[in-house]
Amino acid sequence: MMPIENDELHYQFCLEILRSLNFKRKDFFVKLAHDIPYERMIYGWINKMFEQGKTKEETVEFIYKAIYEWYLKNDD
């Protein structure tokens, strides 16, 4: 369990990333609560980058690249 200060920082970081990716916050978190794989994957990447201390810019760049690679692997 992370301290409340980190929890708030994490939440704000997540919101900034979602805004940068043009995701609607409410829709994203509803889908995440329903365990939708795509949103779960994005949220996992956001968490990973936050834990590594990455910037918003680094995180958005990573996610765009990861999504692109994911689509290439799953393009049947």
N, C-alpha and C. Protein backbone atom coordinates (compact mmCIF):
# COMPACT_ATOMS: atom_id res chain seq x y z
N MET A 1 0.85 -1.17 0.00
CA MET A 1 0.00 0.00 0.00
C MET A 1 0.89 1.24 0.00
N MET A 2 0.63 2.14 -0.96
CA MET A 2 1.46 3.34 -1.02
C MET A 2 0.91 4.43 -0.12
N PRO A 3 1.81 5.27 0.41
CA PRO A 3 1.36 6.39 1.26
C PRO A 3 0.40 7.29 0.49
N ILE A 4 -0.46 7.98 1.21
CA ILE A 4 -1.49 8.82 0.58
C ILE A 4 -0.88 9.87 -0.34
N GLU A 5 0.29 10.41 0.00
CA GLU A 5 0.93 11.40 -0.86
C GLU A 5 1.27 10.80 -2.21
N ASN A 6 1.81 9.60 -2.22
CA ASN A 6 2.12 8.93 -3.47
C ASN A 6 0.86 8.53 -4.21
N ASP A 7 -0.17 8.17 -3.47
CA ASP A 7 -1.44 7.81 -4.09
C ASP A 7 -2.00 9.00 -4.86
N GLU A 8 -1.96 10.18 -4.27
CA GLU A 8 -2.45 11.38 -4.95
C GLU A 8 -1.58 11.73 -6.15
N LEU A 9 -0.26 11.62 -5.99
CA LEU A 9 0.66 11.86 -7.11
C LEU A 9 0.39 10.88 -8.24
N HIS A 10 0.16 9.63 -7.88
CA HIS A 10 -0.12 8.60 -8.88
C HIS A 10 -1.41 8.91 -9.62
N TYR A 11 -2.44 9.30 -8.90
CA TYR A 11 -3.72 9.62 -9.51
C TYR A 11 -3.60 10.81 -10.47
N GLN A 12 -2.92 11.85 -10.04
CA GLN A 12 -2.72 13.02 -10.90
C GLN A 12 -1.88 12.67 -12.13
N PHE A 13 -0.88 11.85 -11.94
CA PHE A 13 -0.04 11.38 -13.06
C PHE A 13 -0.92 10.63 -14.06
N CYS A 14 -1.74 9.74 -13.55
CA CYS A 14 -2.63 8.95 -14.39
C CYS A 14 -3.57 9.86 -15.17
N LEU A 15 -4.15 10.85 -14.51
CA LEU A 15 -5.07 11.77 -15.19
C LEU A 15 -4.36 12.55 -16.30
N GLU A 16 -3.14 12.98 -16.03
CA GLU A 16 -2.38 13.70 -17.05
C GLU A 16 -2.12 12.82 -18.27
N ILE A 17 -1.79 11.58 -18.03
CA ILE A 17 -1.53 10.65 -19.13
C ILE A 17 -2.81 10.42 -19.93
N LEU A 18 -3.90 10.18 -19.24
CA LEU A 18 -5.17 9.95 -19.93
C LEU A 18 -5.57 11.17 -20.78
N ARG A 19 -5.37 12.37 -20.25
CA ARG A 19 -5.66 13.59 -21.02
C ARG A 19 -4.77 13.66 -22.26
N SER A 20 -3.50 13.34 -22.09
CA SER A 20 -2.56 13.38 -23.21
C SER A 20 -2.91 12.36 -24.29
N LEU A 21 -3.48 11.25 -23.87
CA LEU A 21 -3.87 10.19 -24.81
C LEU A 21 -5.29 10.41 -25.35
N ASN A 22 -5.92 11.50 -24.92
CA ASN A 22 -7.29 11.83 -25.31
C ASN A 22 -8.30 10.76 -24.90
N PHE A 23 -8.08 10.17 -23.74
CA PHE A 23 -9.04 9.23 -23.17
C PHE A 23 -9.97 10.01 -22.26
N LYS A 24 -11.23 9.66 -22.27
CA LYS A 24 -12.18 10.26 -21.34
C LYS A 24 -12.03 9.55 -20.00
N ARG A 25 -11.73 10.32 -18.97
CA ARG A 25 -11.42 9.77 -17.65
C ARG A 25 -12.51 8.84 -17.15
N LYS A 26 -13.74 9.29 -17.17
CA LYS A 26 -14.84 8.48 -16.63
C LYS A 26 -14.98 7.17 -17.40
N ASP A 27 -14.97 7.25 -18.73
CA ASP A 27 -15.09 6.04 -19.54
C ASP A 27 -13.95 5.07 -19.26
N PHE A 28 -12.74 5.62 -19.16
CA PHE A 28 -11.57 4.78 -18.91
C PHE A 28 -11.70 4.02 -17.60
N PHE A 29 -12.06 4.73 -16.53
CA PHE A 29 -12.13 4.08 -15.22
C PHE A 29 -13.32 3.14 -15.10
N VAL A 30 -14.41 3.41 -15.80
CA VAL A 30 -15.54 2.47 -15.82
C VAL A 30 -15.11 1.18 -16.50
N LYS A 31 -14.44 1.30 -17.64
CA LYS A 31 -13.97 0.11 -18.35
C LYS A 31 -12.92 -0.64 -17.53
N LEU A 32 -12.07 0.11 -16.86
CA LEU A 32 -11.06 -0.52 -16.00
C LEU A 32 -11.73 -1.28 -14.86
N ALA A 33 -12.77 -0.70 -14.28
CA ALA A 33 -13.51 -1.37 -13.20
C ALA A 33 -14.20 -2.64 -13.69
N HIS A 34 -14.53 -2.67 -14.97
CA HIS A 34 -15.15 -3.87 -15.55
C HIS A 34 -14.10 -4.81 -16.15
N ASP A 35 -12.83 -4.52 -15.85
CA ASP A 35 -11.70 -5.38 -16.23
C ASP A 35 -11.59 -5.59 -17.74
N ILE A 36 -11.81 -4.51 -18.50
CA ILE A 36 -11.66 -4.57 -19.95
C ILE A 36 -10.16 -4.64 -20.26
N PRO A 37 -9.72 -5.63 -21.05
CA PRO A 37 -8.29 -5.86 -21.27
C PRO A 37 -7.49 -4.65 -21.78
N TYR A 38 -8.03 -3.91 -22.72
CA TYR A 38 -7.27 -2.78 -23.28
C TYR A 38 -6.98 -1.73 -22.21
N GLU A 39 -8.00 -1.35 -21.46
CA GLU A 39 -7.81 -0.36 -20.40
C GLU A 39 -6.91 -0.89 -19.29
N ARG A 40 -7.04 -2.17 -18.99
CA ARG A 40 -6.18 -2.79 -17.97
C ARG A 40 -4.72 -2.73 -18.43
N MET A 41 -4.48 -2.97 -19.72
CA MET A 41 -3.13 -2.94 -20.27
C MET A 41 -2.56 -1.51 -20.19
N ILE A 42 -3.35 -0.52 -20.61
CA ILE A 42 -2.91 0.88 -20.55
C ILE A 42 -2.60 1.28 -19.11
N TYR A 43 -3.50 0.92 -18.19
CA TYR A 43 -3.31 1.27 -16.78
C TYR A 43 -2.05 0.60 -16.23
N GLY A 44 -1.79 -0.62 -16.63
CA GLY A 44 -0.57 -1.30 -16.20
C GLY A 44 0.68 -0.58 -16.67
N TRP A 45 0.65 -0.10 -17.91
CA TRP A 45 1.80 0.65 -18.42
C TRP A 45 1.97 1.96 -17.66
N ILE A 46 0.86 2.64 -17.38
CA ILE A 46 0.94 3.89 -16.62
C ILE A 46 1.55 3.63 -15.25
N ASN A 47 1.10 2.58 -14.58
CA ASN A 47 1.64 2.24 -13.26
C ASN A 47 3.13 1.94 -13.33
N LYS A 48 3.52 1.15 -14.32
CA LYS A 48 4.92 0.78 -14.48
C LYS A 48 5.80 2.02 -14.65
N MET A 49 5.34 2.93 -15.49
CA MET A 49 6.14 4.13 -15.74
C MET A 49 6.17 5.04 -14.51
N PHE A 50 5.06 5.12 -13.77
CA PHE A 50 5.04 5.92 -12.54
C PHE A 50 6.03 5.35 -11.53
N GLU A 51 6.01 4.04 -11.36
CA GLU A 51 6.91 3.39 -10.40
C GLU A 51 8.37 3.59 -10.78
N GLN A 52 8.64 3.71 -12.08
CA GLN A 52 10.01 3.92 -12.54
C GLN A 52 10.42 5.40 -12.51
N GLY A 53 9.48 6.26 -12.13
CA GLY A 53 9.78 7.69 -12.03
C GLY A 53 9.87 8.40 -13.37
N LYS A 54 9.20 7.85 -14.37
CA LYS A 54 9.23 8.46 -15.71
C LYS A 54 8.38 9.72 -15.76
N THR A 55 8.70 10.59 -16.68
CA THR A 55 7.92 11.81 -16.87
C THR A 55 6.65 11.51 -17.66
N LYS A 56 5.76 12.50 -17.67
CA LYS A 56 4.54 12.36 -18.46
C LYS A 56 4.89 12.13 -19.93
N GLU A 57 5.83 12.90 -20.43
CA GLU A 57 6.22 12.80 -21.84
C GLU A 57 6.80 11.43 -22.16
N GLU A 58 7.67 10.93 -21.28
CA GLU A 58 8.26 9.60 -21.48
C GLU A 58 7.17 8.53 -21.47
N THR A 59 6.21 8.70 -20.58
CA THR A 59 5.13 7.72 -20.44
C THR A 59 4.24 7.71 -21.67
N VAL A 60 3.87 8.88 -22.14
CA VAL A 60 3.02 8.95 -23.33
C VAL A 60 3.75 8.37 -24.54
N GLU A 61 5.01 8.70 -24.69
CA GLU A 61 5.80 8.15 -25.80
C GLU A 61 5.87 6.63 -25.70
N PHE A 62 6.14 6.12 -24.51
CA PHE A 62 6.21 4.67 -24.30
C PHE A 62 4.88 4.01 -24.67
N ILE A 63 3.77 4.59 -24.22
CA ILE A 63 2.46 3.99 -24.46
C ILE A 63 2.13 4.00 -25.94
N TYR A 64 2.41 5.10 -26.64
CA TYR A 64 2.15 5.13 -28.08
C TYR A 64 2.95 4.04 -28.80
N LYS A 65 4.22 3.89 -28.44
CA LYS A 65 5.05 2.85 -29.06
C LYS A 65 4.53 1.46 -28.70
N ALA A 66 4.16 1.26 -27.45
CA ALA A 66 3.68 -0.04 -27.00
C ALA A 66 2.36 -0.41 -27.69
N ILE A 67 1.47 0.56 -27.84
CA ILE A 67 0.20 0.31 -28.53
C ILE A 67 0.47 -0.08 -29.98
N TYR A 68 1.35 0.66 -30.62
CA TYR A 68 1.70 0.37 -32.01
C TYR A 68 2.24 -1.05 -32.15
N GLU A 69 3.17 -1.42 -31.28
CA GLU A 69 3.74 -2.77 -31.33
C GLU A 69 2.70 -3.83 -31.01
N TRP A 70 1.82 -3.53 -30.05
CA TRP A 70 0.76 -4.47 -29.68
C TRP A 70 -0.15 -4.73 -30.87
N TYR A 71 -0.54 -3.66 -31.58
CA TYR A 71 -1.40 -3.82 -32.75
C TYR A 71 -0.71 -4.59 -33.86
N LEU A 72 0.59 -4.37 -34.05
CA LEU A 72 1.33 -5.12 -35.08
C LEU A 72 1.34 -6.61 -34.76
N LYS A 73 1.53 -6.95 -33.49
CA LYS A 73 1.55 -8.37 -33.10
C LYS A 73 0.18 -9.03 -33.21
N ASN A 74 -0.88 -8.25 -33.01
CA ASN A 74 -2.23 -8.81 -32.99
C ASN A 74 -3.01 -8.54 -34.27
N ASP A 75 -2.33 -8.14 -35.32
CA ASP A 75 -2.98 -7.86 -36.59
C ASP A 75 -3.06 -9.15 -37.40
N ASP A 76 -4.21 -9.76 -37.35
CA ASP A 76 -4.38 -11.04 -38.07
C ASP A 76 -5.23 -10.87 -39.29
